[in-house]
Amino acid sequence: MTNSLPAMMIQDDAASRLQLHFCQRFGTEPRIFRAPGRVNLIGEHTDYNDGYVMPAAIEFSTWAAISLREDGELHLASLNLNEAHTFDDTTRAVPMGNWTDYVRGVEVMLRANGYRIPGANILLYGNVPMGAGLSSSASLEIATAAALLGVAKVELKRGEIALLCQRAENEFVGARCGIMDQFIAANGRSGHALMLDCRSLDYELLPLPAETTIVVANSMVKHQLAASEYNARRAECEEGARVLQQSLPGIRALRDVSVEQLEQHKSKLSPILYRRCRHVIGENARVVEFARALRAGDLPRAGELMRVSHISLRDDYEVSCRELDTLVALAEKAPGAVGSRMTGGGFGGCTVSLVKKENVEAFGGFVSRQYENMIGVRPDIYVTRAADGAGECQGE
């Protein structure tokens, strides 16, 4: 199990180790920037429908150590992968199909928007579990942007940084992600969830109940289907919105459709499109209600909304799997559980649970043992608090 003190020690150690390796590799002292991963408490697959989401940044991060180069080249290295790459011409950058695309895509977008980005040495390290739905890619993008902007002495609003990084993933990497992951990596605040309107980018920071903590359970199933199925679900939502626009000409996205309007016009939709739309429209309403429950300190209501969200993702959006369903079912039986649901794109990855602090050890032990008995593999259990968004590591 992990609590807040060991998590801070992990961050100190990561920055110190990164600094040592950077000096050995490049012969200069770096500046070090970090950006967190995230977990989404509620509001899944709503972001690309102009809807509402409720993520929190977590105490797992990507660190980027950086120093300037005079030759204009970009020298990238990864401690995790023990790889290094050199790029000497970013004006004609093309994707390579590997992790460097997330870094170079950010640089390309910064340059395309008129920012003078110098050559740089960048050494990366991250402890956000990859393939677990905790947004290691957005963490890498935001850490890279913070580092490049920092040495270039360019100041941007955090929302602008998030949008540039989203464009990098959409246009350079080729993944049609929404804005949520980059936005929370840039704007997270310790102890708070963030309710984001993905259309206007207005947001509200909501304190999480002091008596609870966030427990993430990794199913150990890589979400291999997520990319293709994500694109399919996004296309289904767009088609559903197009069909509904014929009867509701004022709508721009599913975000604009109420539950009552969907039911009134359900005969216009195929059964599959109806279920997809019902999830998104209902999930938007659940995010709003979840925020209301947090403000009121109504933990039972918050937990019930998480439970209903998972059922909708499982049955209407069809992005869950046996392993995720098992973790959620076990969490509901475990000591101290407030609520639990799958989080991320689906088809594997993680569940998120709100758990009473005094029951965290018992909760994790129960879920871990029972899951191993039923599935045959021990899940990784991450205990975390809501963390701050991106920034420079000072004095670490």
Protein backbone atom coordinates (compact mmCIF):
# COMPACT_ATOMS: atom_id res chain seq x y z
CA MET A 1 0.00 0.00 0.00
CA THR A 2 1.05 3.60 -0.60
CA ASN A 3 0.15 6.68 1.40
CA SER A 4 0.97 10.35 0.95
CA LEU A 5 4.39 10.31 2.64
CA PRO A 6 5.92 7.50 0.53
CA ALA A 7 4.42 9.06 -2.60
CA MET A 8 6.31 12.31 -1.94
CA MET A 9 9.49 10.32 -1.31
CA ILE A 10 9.01 8.63 -4.69
CA GLN A 11 8.81 12.05 -6.36
CA ASP A 12 11.96 13.30 -4.58
CA ASP A 13 13.84 10.17 -5.58
CA ALA A 14 12.65 10.37 -9.20
CA ALA A 15 13.79 13.97 -9.66
CA SER A 16 17.14 13.34 -7.95
CA ARG A 17 17.83 10.20 -9.97
CA LEU A 18 16.82 11.92 -13.19
CA GLN A 19 19.16 14.83 -12.44
CA LEU A 20 22.09 12.45 -11.82
CA HIS A 21 21.49 10.52 -15.06
CA PHE A 22 21.05 13.73 -17.01
CA CYS A 23 24.39 15.13 -15.82
CA GLN A 24 26.11 11.86 -16.69
CA ARG A 25 24.57 11.73 -20.17
CA PHE A 26 24.66 15.37 -21.25
CA GLY A 27 27.29 16.94 -18.99
CA THR A 28 25.06 19.84 -17.90
CA GLU A 29 22.70 20.63 -15.04
CA PRO A 30 19.03 20.36 -16.08
CA ARG A 31 15.82 21.99 -15.05
CA ILE A 32 13.21 19.37 -14.15
CA PHE A 33 9.48 19.55 -14.81
CA ARG A 34 6.72 17.09 -13.95
CA ALA A 35 3.14 16.39 -14.92
CA PRO A 36 0.79 13.86 -13.28
CA GLY A 37 -1.31 11.04 -14.59
CA ARG A 38 -5.00 11.09 -13.80
CA VAL A 39 -7.92 9.02 -12.74
CA ASN A 40 -11.46 9.89 -13.79
CA LEU A 41 -13.92 9.65 -10.93
CA ILE A 42 -16.97 9.91 -13.19
CA GLY A 43 -17.79 11.16 -16.68
CA GLU A 44 -16.45 8.52 -19.08
CA HIS A 45 -16.57 8.97 -22.87
CA THR A 46 -18.32 12.30 -22.44
CA ASP A 47 -15.38 14.58 -23.22
CA TYR A 48 -15.46 14.11 -26.99
CA ASN A 49 -19.20 14.75 -26.87
CA ASP A 50 -18.69 18.28 -25.47
CA GLY A 51 -19.82 17.00 -22.09
CA TYR A 52 -18.76 17.03 -18.44
CA VAL A 53 -15.99 15.04 -16.74
CA MET A 54 -14.69 14.75 -13.17
CA PRO A 55 -11.01 13.72 -13.14
CA ALA A 56 -8.36 14.09 -10.45
CA ALA A 57 -4.60 14.24 -10.93
CA ILE A 58 -2.76 11.43 -9.13
CA GLU A 59 0.62 10.95 -7.45
CA PHE A 60 2.13 9.15 -10.43
CA SER A 61 3.94 11.40 -12.86
CA THR A 62 6.27 11.92 -15.79
CA TRP A 63 9.41 13.97 -15.16
CA ALA A 64 11.25 15.78 -17.94
CA ALA A 65 14.82 16.98 -17.34
CA ILE A 66 15.91 19.55 -19.93
CA SER A 67 18.80 21.78 -20.97
CA LEU A 68 19.34 23.99 -24.02
CA ARG A 69 21.35 23.09 -27.10
CA GLU A 70 22.94 25.66 -29.42
CA ASP A 71 22.75 23.50 -32.56
CA GLY A 72 18.94 23.42 -32.70
CA GLU A 73 18.79 19.62 -32.42
CA LEU A 74 16.43 17.69 -30.20
CA HIS A 75 18.11 14.89 -28.23
CA LEU A 76 15.60 12.63 -26.46
CA ALA A 77 16.26 9.81 -24.04
CA SER A 78 14.03 7.64 -21.83
CA LEU A 79 15.20 6.10 -18.56
CA ASN A 80 12.24 3.72 -18.56
CA LEU A 81 12.98 2.30 -22.00
CA ASN A 82 16.77 2.85 -22.07
CA GLU A 83 16.42 4.43 -25.52
CA ALA A 84 17.84 7.58 -27.10
CA HIS A 85 16.94 9.39 -30.33
CA THR A 86 18.28 12.49 -32.06
CA PHE A 87 16.25 14.73 -34.38
CA ASP A 88 17.95 17.47 -36.38
CA ASP A 89 15.05 18.91 -38.39
CA THR A 90 11.73 19.53 -36.71
CA THR A 91 10.38 21.58 -39.62
CA ARG A 92 9.73 18.37 -41.57
CA ALA A 93 8.91 16.15 -38.63
CA VAL A 94 7.03 12.95 -39.39
CA PRO A 95 5.72 10.45 -36.82
CA MET A 96 7.91 7.43 -36.07
CA GLY A 97 5.19 5.35 -34.43
CA ASN A 98 6.88 5.23 -31.02
CA TRP A 99 7.04 7.19 -27.78
CA THR A 100 9.02 10.03 -29.34
CA ASP A 101 5.92 11.10 -31.28
CA TYR A 102 4.33 12.41 -28.08
CA VAL A 103 7.36 14.63 -27.44
CA ARG A 104 7.97 15.77 -30.99
CA GLY A 105 4.28 16.34 -31.58
CA VAL A 106 4.26 18.86 -28.73
CA GLU A 107 7.31 20.61 -30.16
CA VAL A 108 5.76 20.68 -33.63
CA MET A 109 2.54 22.24 -32.31
CA LEU A 110 4.41 24.86 -30.29
CA ARG A 111 6.41 25.86 -33.35
CA ALA A 112 3.31 25.82 -35.57
CA ASN A 113 1.71 28.33 -33.20
CA GLY A 114 4.62 30.72 -33.57
CA TYR A 115 6.61 29.97 -30.43
CA ARG A 116 10.40 29.97 -30.77
CA ILE A 117 11.39 26.61 -29.32
CA PRO A 118 15.17 26.07 -29.02
CA GLY A 119 17.14 22.88 -29.45
CA ALA A 120 17.20 20.84 -26.28
CA ASN A 121 18.42 17.76 -24.45
CA ILE A 122 15.49 15.99 -22.76
CA LEU A 123 15.68 12.98 -20.45
CA LEU A 124 12.37 11.44 -19.40
CA TYR A 125 11.24 9.19 -16.59
CA GLY A 126 7.72 8.21 -15.62
CA ASN A 127 5.97 6.00 -13.08
CA VAL A 128 2.44 6.30 -14.50
CA PRO A 129 1.51 2.67 -15.33
CA MET A 130 1.38 2.34 -19.11
CA GLY A 131 -1.64 0.79 -20.77
CA ALA A 132 -3.66 1.06 -17.57
CA GLY A 133 -5.92 3.96 -18.57
CA LEU A 134 -4.22 6.44 -16.22
CA SER A 135 -3.13 8.73 -19.04
CA SER A 136 0.61 8.25 -19.23
CA SER A 137 0.54 9.84 -22.71
CA ALA A 138 -1.01 13.15 -21.56
CA SER A 139 1.38 13.18 -18.60
CA LEU A 140 4.29 12.89 -21.04
CA GLU A 141 2.88 15.58 -23.33
CA ILE A 142 2.24 18.11 -20.58
CA ALA A 143 5.63 17.48 -18.93
CA THR A 144 7.28 18.01 -22.31
CA ALA A 145 5.35 21.21 -22.96
CA ALA A 146 6.17 22.58 -19.52
CA ALA A 147 9.87 21.81 -20.05
CA LEU A 148 10.09 23.30 -23.56
CA LEU A 149 8.14 26.42 -22.60
CA GLY A 150 10.21 26.79 -19.45
CA VAL A 151 13.59 26.88 -21.22
CA ALA A 152 12.13 28.98 -24.06
CA LYS A 153 10.89 31.50 -21.45
CA VAL A 154 7.39 31.43 -22.90
CA GLU A 155 4.42 31.77 -20.56
CA LEU A 156 1.10 30.25 -21.59
CA LYS A 157 -2.12 29.75 -19.70
CA ARG A 158 -2.57 26.17 -18.56
CA GLY A 159 -5.69 25.75 -20.66
CA GLU A 160 -3.75 26.80 -23.77
CA ILE A 161 -1.01 24.29 -22.97
CA ALA A 162 -3.62 21.54 -22.62
CA LEU A 163 -5.19 22.41 -25.99
CA LEU A 164 -1.80 22.41 -27.75
CA CYS A 165 -0.97 19.01 -26.28
CA GLN A 166 -4.36 17.65 -27.31
CA ARG A 167 -3.68 18.84 -30.85
CA ALA A 168 -0.30 17.11 -30.75
CA GLU A 169 -1.98 13.80 -29.91
CA ASN A 170 -4.82 14.32 -32.40
CA GLU A 171 -2.81 15.59 -35.36
CA PHE A 172 0.74 14.24 -34.93
CA VAL A 173 0.30 11.03 -32.96
CA GLY A 174 -3.03 10.31 -34.65
CA ALA A 175 -5.15 9.49 -31.59
CA ARG A 176 -8.56 11.20 -31.43
CA CYS A 177 -8.48 11.94 -27.71
CA GLY A 178 -10.64 14.54 -26.00
CA ILE A 179 -9.31 17.37 -23.84
CA MET A 180 -9.79 15.83 -20.38
CA ASP A 181 -6.44 14.10 -19.89
CA GLN A 182 -4.26 17.03 -20.89
CA PHE A 183 -6.45 19.50 -18.99
CA ILE A 184 -6.28 17.73 -15.65
CA ALA A 185 -2.54 17.07 -16.02
CA ALA A 186 -2.08 20.83 -16.37
CA ASN A 187 -4.71 22.05 -13.90
CA GLY A 188 -5.00 19.50 -11.11
CA ARG A 189 -4.96 20.60 -7.48
CA SER A 190 -4.01 18.62 -4.42
CA GLY A 191 -7.02 17.23 -2.57
CA HIS A 192 -9.48 18.21 -5.29
CA ALA A 193 -11.38 16.72 -8.18
CA LEU A 194 -11.95 18.95 -11.21
CA MET A 195 -15.33 19.23 -12.88
CA LEU A 196 -14.66 20.28 -16.47
CA ASP A 197 -17.04 21.50 -19.14
CA CYS A 198 -15.30 20.09 -22.20
CA ARG A 199 -16.98 22.59 -24.53
CA SER A 200 -16.25 25.88 -22.78
CA LEU A 201 -13.28 24.62 -20.71
CA ASP A 202 -14.85 26.24 -17.66
CA TYR A 203 -14.03 24.20 -14.60
CA GLU A 204 -14.65 23.95 -10.88
CA LEU A 205 -12.27 22.48 -8.31
CA LEU A 206 -14.20 20.43 -5.76
CA PRO A 207 -12.62 19.24 -2.49
CA LEU A 208 -12.75 15.48 -2.09
CA PRO A 209 -14.08 14.25 1.27
CA ALA A 210 -11.27 14.27 3.83
CA GLU A 211 -12.34 10.91 5.21
CA THR A 212 -11.84 9.12 1.88
CA THR A 213 -8.92 8.23 -0.34
CA ILE A 214 -8.62 7.11 -3.96
CA VAL A 215 -7.81 3.47 -4.60
CA VAL A 216 -7.02 2.39 -8.15
CA ALA A 217 -7.03 -1.32 -9.00
CA ASN A 218 -5.22 -2.45 -12.14
CA SER A 219 -6.90 -5.40 -13.82
CA MET A 220 -3.51 -6.24 -15.42
CA VAL A 221 -5.34 -6.45 -18.74
CA LYS A 222 -3.86 -4.12 -21.35
CA HIS A 223 -6.59 -2.24 -23.19
CA GLN A 224 -5.56 -3.56 -26.61
CA LEU A 225 -8.99 -3.01 -28.15
CA ALA A 226 -9.32 0.49 -26.78
CA ALA A 227 -7.91 2.41 -29.76
CA SER A 228 -10.12 0.84 -32.44
CA GLU A 229 -13.20 0.60 -30.24
CA TYR A 230 -12.69 4.16 -28.97
CA ASN A 231 -12.79 5.44 -32.54
CA ALA A 232 -15.85 3.29 -33.23
CA ARG A 233 -17.70 4.65 -30.18
CA ARG A 234 -16.79 8.19 -31.14
CA ALA A 235 -18.16 7.65 -34.65
CA GLU A 236 -21.36 6.14 -33.20
CA CYS A 237 -21.85 9.19 -30.99
CA GLU A 238 -21.33 11.53 -33.94
CA GLU A 239 -23.83 9.55 -36.00
CA GLY A 240 -26.34 9.57 -33.14
CA ALA A 241 -26.01 13.34 -32.87
CA ARG A 242 -26.53 13.71 -36.64
CA VAL A 243 -29.70 11.63 -36.52
CA LEU A 244 -31.07 13.58 -33.56
CA GLN A 245 -30.26 16.90 -35.23
CA GLN A 246 -32.91 16.14 -37.83
CA SER A 247 -35.53 16.45 -35.10
CA LEU A 248 -33.58 18.75 -32.78
CA PRO A 249 -31.87 21.24 -35.09
CA GLY A 250 -30.45 23.31 -32.25
CA ILE A 251 -28.11 20.63 -30.91
CA ARG A 252 -24.38 20.59 -31.71
CA ALA A 253 -23.40 17.42 -29.83
CA LEU A 254 -24.94 14.83 -27.51
CA ARG A 255 -24.15 17.22 -24.67
CA ASP A 256 -27.12 19.31 -25.83
CA VAL A 257 -29.66 16.48 -25.65
CA SER A 258 -31.66 15.81 -22.50
CA VAL A 259 -32.71 12.38 -21.30
CA GLU A 260 -36.34 13.31 -22.06
CA GLN A 261 -35.50 14.38 -25.63
CA LEU A 262 -33.61 11.14 -26.24
CA GLU A 263 -36.57 9.07 -25.11
CA GLN A 264 -38.93 11.15 -27.23
CA HIS A 265 -36.87 10.51 -30.38
CA LYS A 266 -35.45 7.03 -29.66
CA SER A 267 -37.42 5.49 -32.55
CA LYS A 268 -35.20 7.44 -34.97
CA LEU A 269 -32.10 5.64 -33.68
CA SER A 270 -30.91 2.07 -34.17
CA PRO A 271 -30.78 0.05 -30.92
CA ILE A 272 -26.98 0.37 -30.77
CA LEU A 273 -26.98 4.12 -31.38
CA TYR A 274 -29.72 4.56 -28.80
CA ARG A 275 -27.68 2.74 -26.15
CA ARG A 276 -24.54 4.74 -26.95
CA CYS A 277 -26.47 8.01 -26.73
CA ARG A 278 -28.22 6.93 -23.53
CA HIS A 279 -24.87 6.35 -21.85
CA VAL A 280 -23.38 9.70 -22.85
CA ILE A 281 -26.48 11.74 -22.02
CA GLY A 282 -27.04 9.93 -18.73
CA GLU A 283 -23.36 10.18 -17.82
CA ASN A 284 -23.37 13.94 -18.29
CA ALA A 285 -26.25 14.18 -15.85
CA ARG A 286 -24.39 11.92 -13.40
CA VAL A 287 -21.33 14.18 -13.41
CA VAL A 288 -23.48 17.18 -12.52
CA GLU A 289 -25.20 15.19 -9.77
CA PHE A 290 -21.84 13.85 -8.50
CA ALA A 291 -20.59 17.44 -8.11
CA ARG A 292 -23.75 18.25 -6.18
CA ALA A 293 -23.13 15.25 -3.91
CA LEU A 294 -19.53 16.33 -3.23
CA ARG A 295 -20.62 19.85 -2.33
CA ALA A 296 -23.19 18.42 0.08
CA GLY A 297 -20.85 15.79 1.52
CA ASP A 298 -23.32 13.09 0.47
CA LEU A 299 -21.00 10.09 0.15
CA PRO A 300 -23.74 7.45 -0.31
CA ARG A 301 -25.13 9.39 -3.30
CA ALA A 302 -21.66 9.82 -4.81
CA GLY A 303 -21.03 6.08 -4.47
CA GLU A 304 -24.38 5.20 -6.05
CA LEU A 305 -23.61 7.43 -9.04
CA MET A 306 -20.28 5.65 -9.54
CA ARG A 307 -22.06 2.29 -9.45
CA VAL A 308 -24.67 3.37 -12.03
CA SER A 309 -21.94 4.84 -14.22
CA HIS A 310 -20.19 1.48 -14.38
CA ILE A 311 -23.40 -0.35 -15.25
CA SER A 312 -23.99 2.10 -18.09
CA LEU A 313 -20.43 1.68 -19.39
CA ARG A 314 -20.83 -2.09 -19.21
CA ASP A 315 -24.30 -2.43 -20.74
CA ASP A 316 -24.97 0.63 -22.91
CA TYR A 317 -21.50 1.68 -24.02
CA GLU A 318 -20.07 -1.86 -23.92
CA VAL A 319 -16.50 -0.89 -23.05
CA SER A 320 -16.02 -2.95 -19.91
CA CYS A 321 -14.74 -6.53 -19.65
CA ARG A 322 -14.97 -9.48 -17.26
CA GLU A 323 -11.90 -8.39 -15.30
CA LEU A 324 -13.14 -4.83 -14.73
CA ASP A 325 -16.62 -6.06 -13.79
CA THR A 326 -15.04 -8.45 -11.28
CA LEU A 327 -12.99 -5.68 -9.67
CA VAL A 328 -16.05 -3.44 -9.33
CA ALA A 329 -18.16 -6.25 -7.87
CA LEU A 330 -15.43 -7.08 -5.35
CA ALA A 331 -14.98 -3.43 -4.41
CA GLU A 332 -18.66 -3.16 -3.59
CA LYS A 333 -18.23 -6.01 -1.07
CA ALA A 334 -14.96 -4.75 0.42
CA PRO A 335 -14.61 -2.90 3.75
CA GLY A 336 -14.94 0.88 3.56
CA ALA A 337 -16.14 1.11 -0.03
CA VAL A 338 -18.00 4.29 -0.97
CA GLY A 339 -18.23 3.65 -4.73
CA SER A 340 -16.37 1.98 -7.57
CA ARG A 341 -16.33 1.99 -11.37
CA MET A 342 -14.09 1.34 -14.34
CA THR A 343 -12.02 4.35 -15.38
CA GLY A 344 -10.43 5.19 -18.72
CA GLY A 345 -11.19 3.96 -22.22
CA GLY A 346 -12.10 0.43 -21.18
CA PHE A 347 -11.44 -3.14 -22.36
CA GLY A 348 -8.95 -3.49 -19.51
CA GLY A 349 -7.01 -1.00 -17.47
CA CYS A 350 -8.19 0.10 -14.05
CA THR A 351 -11.07 0.69 -11.72
CA VAL A 352 -11.30 3.65 -9.35
CA SER A 353 -12.83 3.44 -5.89
CA LEU A 354 -13.46 5.97 -3.16
CA VAL A 355 -12.65 4.25 0.13
CA LYS A 356 -12.84 5.30 3.78
CA LYS A 357 -9.29 6.00 4.93
CA GLU A 358 -9.43 3.69 7.92
CA ASN A 359 -10.36 0.76 5.66
CA VAL A 360 -7.81 1.21 2.87
CA GLU A 361 -5.53 -1.68 3.87
CA ALA A 362 -8.44 -4.07 4.41
CA PHE A 363 -10.09 -2.93 1.18
CA GLY A 364 -6.96 -3.49 -0.90
CA GLY A 365 -6.20 -6.84 0.67
CA PHE A 366 -9.72 -8.15 0.13
CA VAL A 367 -9.92 -7.04 -3.52
CA SER A 368 -6.44 -8.34 -4.29
CA ARG A 369 -6.96 -11.80 -2.76
CA GLN A 370 -10.41 -12.35 -4.20
CA TYR A 371 -9.45 -11.13 -7.68
CA GLU A 372 -6.45 -13.45 -7.77
CA ASN A 373 -8.63 -16.36 -6.70
CA MET A 374 -11.21 -15.61 -9.40
CA ILE A 375 -9.07 -14.39 -12.32
CA GLY A 376 -5.73 -16.05 -11.61
CA VAL A 377 -3.60 -12.91 -11.48
CA ARG A 378 -2.85 -10.50 -8.65
CA PRO A 379 -3.95 -6.92 -9.43
CA ASP A 380 -1.74 -3.94 -8.73
CA ILE A 381 -3.38 -1.71 -6.13
CA TYR A 382 -2.46 1.98 -6.14
CA VAL A 383 -3.45 4.16 -3.21
CA THR A 384 -3.21 7.84 -4.02
CA ARG A 385 -4.55 11.24 -3.19
CA ALA A 386 -5.56 13.93 -5.65
CA ALA A 387 -2.35 15.73 -6.64
CA ASP A 388 -1.23 19.03 -8.12
CA GLY A 389 -0.98 19.59 -11.84
CA ALA A 390 2.18 20.26 -13.85
CA GLY A 391 5.03 22.39 -12.60
CA GLU A 392 8.77 22.76 -12.20
CA CYS A 393 10.49 20.69 -9.52
CA GLN A 394 12.18 23.21 -7.27
CA GLY A 395 14.86 22.03 -4.90
CA GLU A 396 14.06 18.34 -5.30
